[in-house]
Amino acid sequence: MEARAAADADYSAALLHYILDGSTLELRELARPFDDPMRSPFFNVVCSIDSAHLHFRLGRTQARSA
């Protein structure tokens, strides 16, 4: 995903949006060019990224509230 973002400005913008404000569905769409995001074991990779993303977003929300 990082390599594609470096080579494709539209993909890069979509990835940045996901990182800052995106949803699980957006991550699945970003992952789709690489494999079916619902297929195991790729599903586990997508879930792991999404879980880390949730912790990142929660941290940002808490920092804004402080």
N, C-alpha and C. Protein backbone atom coordinates (compact mmCIF):
# COMPACT_ATOMS: atom_id res chain seq x y z
N MET A 1 0.83 -1.17 0.00
CA MET A 1 0.00 0.00 0.00
C MET A 1 0.89 1.26 0.00
N GLU A 2 1.97 1.20 0.78
CA GLU A 2 2.86 2.35 0.84
C GLU A 2 3.52 2.60 -0.51
N ALA A 3 3.97 1.55 -1.17
CA ALA A 3 4.61 1.70 -2.47
C ALA A 3 3.63 2.26 -3.50
N ARG A 4 2.40 1.76 -3.48
CA ARG A 4 1.41 2.27 -4.42
C ARG A 4 1.10 3.74 -4.14
N ALA A 5 1.01 4.10 -2.86
CA ALA A 5 0.75 5.50 -2.49
C ALA A 5 1.88 6.42 -2.98
N ALA A 6 3.11 5.93 -2.95
CA ALA A 6 4.24 6.72 -3.41
C ALA A 6 4.19 6.94 -4.92
N ALA A 7 3.60 6.00 -5.64
CA ALA A 7 3.56 6.07 -7.09
C ALA A 7 2.27 6.64 -7.66
N ASP A 8 1.22 6.73 -6.86
CA ASP A 8 -0.12 7.11 -7.35
C ASP A 8 -0.71 8.18 -6.43
N ALA A 9 -0.80 9.41 -6.93
CA ALA A 9 -1.26 10.53 -6.11
C ALA A 9 -2.70 10.34 -5.62
N ASP A 10 -3.58 9.80 -6.45
CA ASP A 10 -4.96 9.59 -6.03
C ASP A 10 -5.05 8.55 -4.91
N TYR A 11 -4.30 7.47 -5.07
CA TYR A 11 -4.27 6.43 -4.03
C TYR A 11 -3.67 7.00 -2.75
N SER A 12 -2.63 7.80 -2.88
CA SER A 12 -2.00 8.44 -1.73
C SER A 12 -2.98 9.31 -0.97
N ALA A 13 -3.76 10.10 -1.69
CA ALA A 13 -4.77 10.96 -1.05
C ALA A 13 -5.83 10.13 -0.34
N ALA A 14 -6.25 9.03 -0.97
CA ALA A 14 -7.26 8.15 -0.36
C ALA A 14 -6.69 7.48 0.89
N LEU A 15 -5.44 7.07 0.84
CA LEU A 15 -4.80 6.44 2.00
C LEU A 15 -4.66 7.43 3.15
N LEU A 16 -4.25 8.65 2.84
CA LEU A 16 -4.13 9.68 3.87
C LEU A 16 -5.49 9.97 4.50
N HIS A 17 -6.51 10.04 3.67
CA HIS A 17 -7.86 10.27 4.21
C HIS A 17 -8.25 9.13 5.15
N TYR A 18 -7.97 7.90 4.75
CA TYR A 18 -8.28 6.76 5.63
C TYR A 18 -7.54 6.90 6.96
N ILE A 19 -6.25 7.22 6.90
CA ILE A 19 -5.46 7.32 8.12
C ILE A 19 -6.03 8.38 9.06
N LEU A 20 -6.42 9.51 8.52
CA LEU A 20 -6.87 10.61 9.37
C LEU A 20 -8.34 10.50 9.77
N ASP A 21 -9.20 10.07 8.86
CA ASP A 21 -10.64 10.11 9.14
C ASP A 21 -11.44 8.95 8.56
N GLY A 22 -10.78 7.95 8.02
CA GLY A 22 -11.48 6.93 7.27
C GLY A 22 -12.14 5.85 8.09
N SER A 23 -12.78 4.94 7.38
CA SER A 23 -13.55 3.86 7.98
C SER A 23 -13.01 2.51 7.52
N THR A 24 -13.52 1.47 8.16
CA THR A 24 -13.15 0.10 7.78
C THR A 24 -13.47 -0.16 6.31
N LEU A 25 -14.60 0.31 5.85
CA LEU A 25 -14.96 0.09 4.45
C LEU A 25 -13.97 0.76 3.50
N GLU A 26 -13.47 1.93 3.86
CA GLU A 26 -12.47 2.59 3.03
C GLU A 26 -11.18 1.79 2.99
N LEU A 27 -10.78 1.23 4.13
CA LEU A 27 -9.58 0.39 4.15
C LEU A 27 -9.76 -0.82 3.24
N ARG A 28 -10.91 -1.44 3.29
CA ARG A 28 -11.15 -2.60 2.42
C ARG A 28 -11.04 -2.23 0.95
N GLU A 29 -11.53 -1.06 0.58
CA GLU A 29 -11.41 -0.62 -0.81
C GLU A 29 -9.95 -0.34 -1.18
N LEU A 30 -9.19 0.23 -0.25
CA LEU A 30 -7.77 0.48 -0.50
C LEU A 30 -7.00 -0.83 -0.63
N ALA A 31 -7.42 -1.86 0.08
CA ALA A 31 -6.72 -3.15 0.06
C ALA A 31 -7.13 -4.01 -1.13
N ARG A 32 -8.29 -3.74 -1.71
CA ARG A 32 -8.83 -4.59 -2.78
C ARG A 32 -7.87 -4.82 -3.96
N PRO A 33 -7.07 -3.83 -4.40
CA PRO A 33 -6.17 -4.11 -5.53
C PRO A 33 -5.12 -5.18 -5.25
N PHE A 34 -4.87 -5.46 -4.00
CA PHE A 34 -3.83 -6.42 -3.64
C PHE A 34 -4.36 -7.83 -3.44
N ASP A 35 -5.61 -7.95 -3.04
CA ASP A 35 -6.24 -9.25 -2.81
C ASP A 35 -7.66 -8.97 -2.33
N ASP A 36 -8.44 -10.00 -2.21
CA ASP A 36 -9.79 -9.85 -1.65
C ASP A 36 -9.66 -9.64 -0.15
N PRO A 37 -10.04 -8.44 0.36
CA PRO A 37 -9.84 -8.17 1.78
C PRO A 37 -10.65 -9.07 2.71
N MET A 38 -11.60 -9.80 2.19
CA MET A 38 -12.40 -10.69 3.02
C MET A 38 -11.88 -12.13 3.00
N ARG A 39 -10.82 -12.36 2.22
CA ARG A 39 -10.27 -13.72 2.12
C ARG A 39 -9.19 -13.91 3.18
N SER A 40 -9.28 -15.01 3.89
CA SER A 40 -8.27 -15.33 4.90
C SER A 40 -7.05 -15.88 4.19
N PRO A 41 -5.82 -15.60 4.56
CA PRO A 41 -5.35 -14.85 5.70
C PRO A 41 -5.24 -13.33 5.44
N PHE A 42 -5.50 -12.89 4.22
CA PHE A 42 -5.43 -11.46 3.94
C PHE A 42 -6.39 -10.68 4.83
N PHE A 43 -7.52 -11.29 5.15
CA PHE A 43 -8.50 -10.67 6.04
C PHE A 43 -7.86 -10.32 7.38
N ASN A 44 -7.00 -11.21 7.89
CA ASN A 44 -6.32 -10.95 9.17
C ASN A 44 -5.41 -9.74 9.08
N VAL A 45 -4.75 -9.57 7.95
CA VAL A 45 -3.88 -8.40 7.76
C VAL A 45 -4.72 -7.13 7.77
N VAL A 46 -5.80 -7.13 7.02
CA VAL A 46 -6.67 -5.95 6.95
C VAL A 46 -7.26 -5.65 8.34
N CYS A 47 -7.66 -6.66 9.06
CA CYS A 47 -8.20 -6.45 10.42
C CYS A 47 -7.13 -5.88 11.35
N SER A 48 -5.91 -6.35 11.22
CA SER A 48 -4.82 -5.84 12.06
C SER A 48 -4.56 -4.37 11.78
N ILE A 49 -4.53 -4.01 10.51
CA ILE A 49 -4.35 -2.60 10.15
C ILE A 49 -5.49 -1.77 10.70
N ASP A 50 -6.71 -2.27 10.55
CA ASP A 50 -7.88 -1.53 11.02
C ASP A 50 -7.87 -1.39 12.54
N SER A 51 -7.43 -2.40 13.25
CA SER A 51 -7.35 -2.34 14.70
C SER A 51 -6.34 -1.28 15.13
N ALA A 52 -5.18 -1.27 14.50
CA ALA A 52 -4.17 -0.25 14.81
C ALA A 52 -4.71 1.14 14.49
N HIS A 53 -5.45 1.24 13.40
CA HIS A 53 -6.05 2.51 13.01
C HIS A 53 -7.04 3.00 14.06
N LEU A 54 -7.82 2.10 14.61
CA LEU A 54 -8.78 2.46 15.65
C LEU A 54 -8.05 3.03 16.87
N HIS A 55 -6.97 2.39 17.29
CA HIS A 55 -6.20 2.89 18.43
C HIS A 55 -5.62 4.27 18.13
N PHE A 56 -5.14 4.48 16.91
CA PHE A 56 -4.62 5.78 16.49
C PHE A 56 -5.71 6.84 16.59
N ARG A 57 -6.89 6.53 16.05
CA ARG A 57 -7.99 7.50 16.07
C ARG A 57 -8.47 7.79 17.47
N LEU A 58 -8.54 6.78 18.32
CA LEU A 58 -8.93 7.00 19.71
C LEU A 58 -7.92 7.90 20.42
N GLY A 59 -6.66 7.68 20.16
CA GLY A 59 -5.61 8.53 20.74
C GLY A 59 -5.75 9.97 20.28
N ARG A 60 -6.04 10.18 19.01
CA ARG A 60 -6.23 11.54 18.50
C ARG A 60 -7.44 12.19 19.15
N THR A 61 -8.52 11.43 19.31
CA THR A 61 -9.73 11.97 19.91
C THR A 61 -9.47 12.36 21.37
N GLN A 62 -8.77 11.51 22.10
CA GLN A 62 -8.47 11.80 23.49
C GLN A 62 -7.55 13.01 23.60
N ALA A 63 -6.57 13.14 22.70
CA ALA A 63 -5.66 14.29 22.73
C ALA A 63 -6.41 15.59 22.47
N ARG A 64 -7.38 15.55 21.58
CA ARG A 64 -8.16 16.76 21.28
C ARG A 64 -9.04 17.15 22.47
N SER A 65 -9.48 16.15 23.25
CA SER A 65 -10.36 16.40 24.39
C SER A 65 -9.60 16.95 25.61
N ALA A 66 -8.31 16.69 25.65
CA ALA A 66 -7.51 17.08 26.83
C ALA A 66 -7.21 18.56 26.85
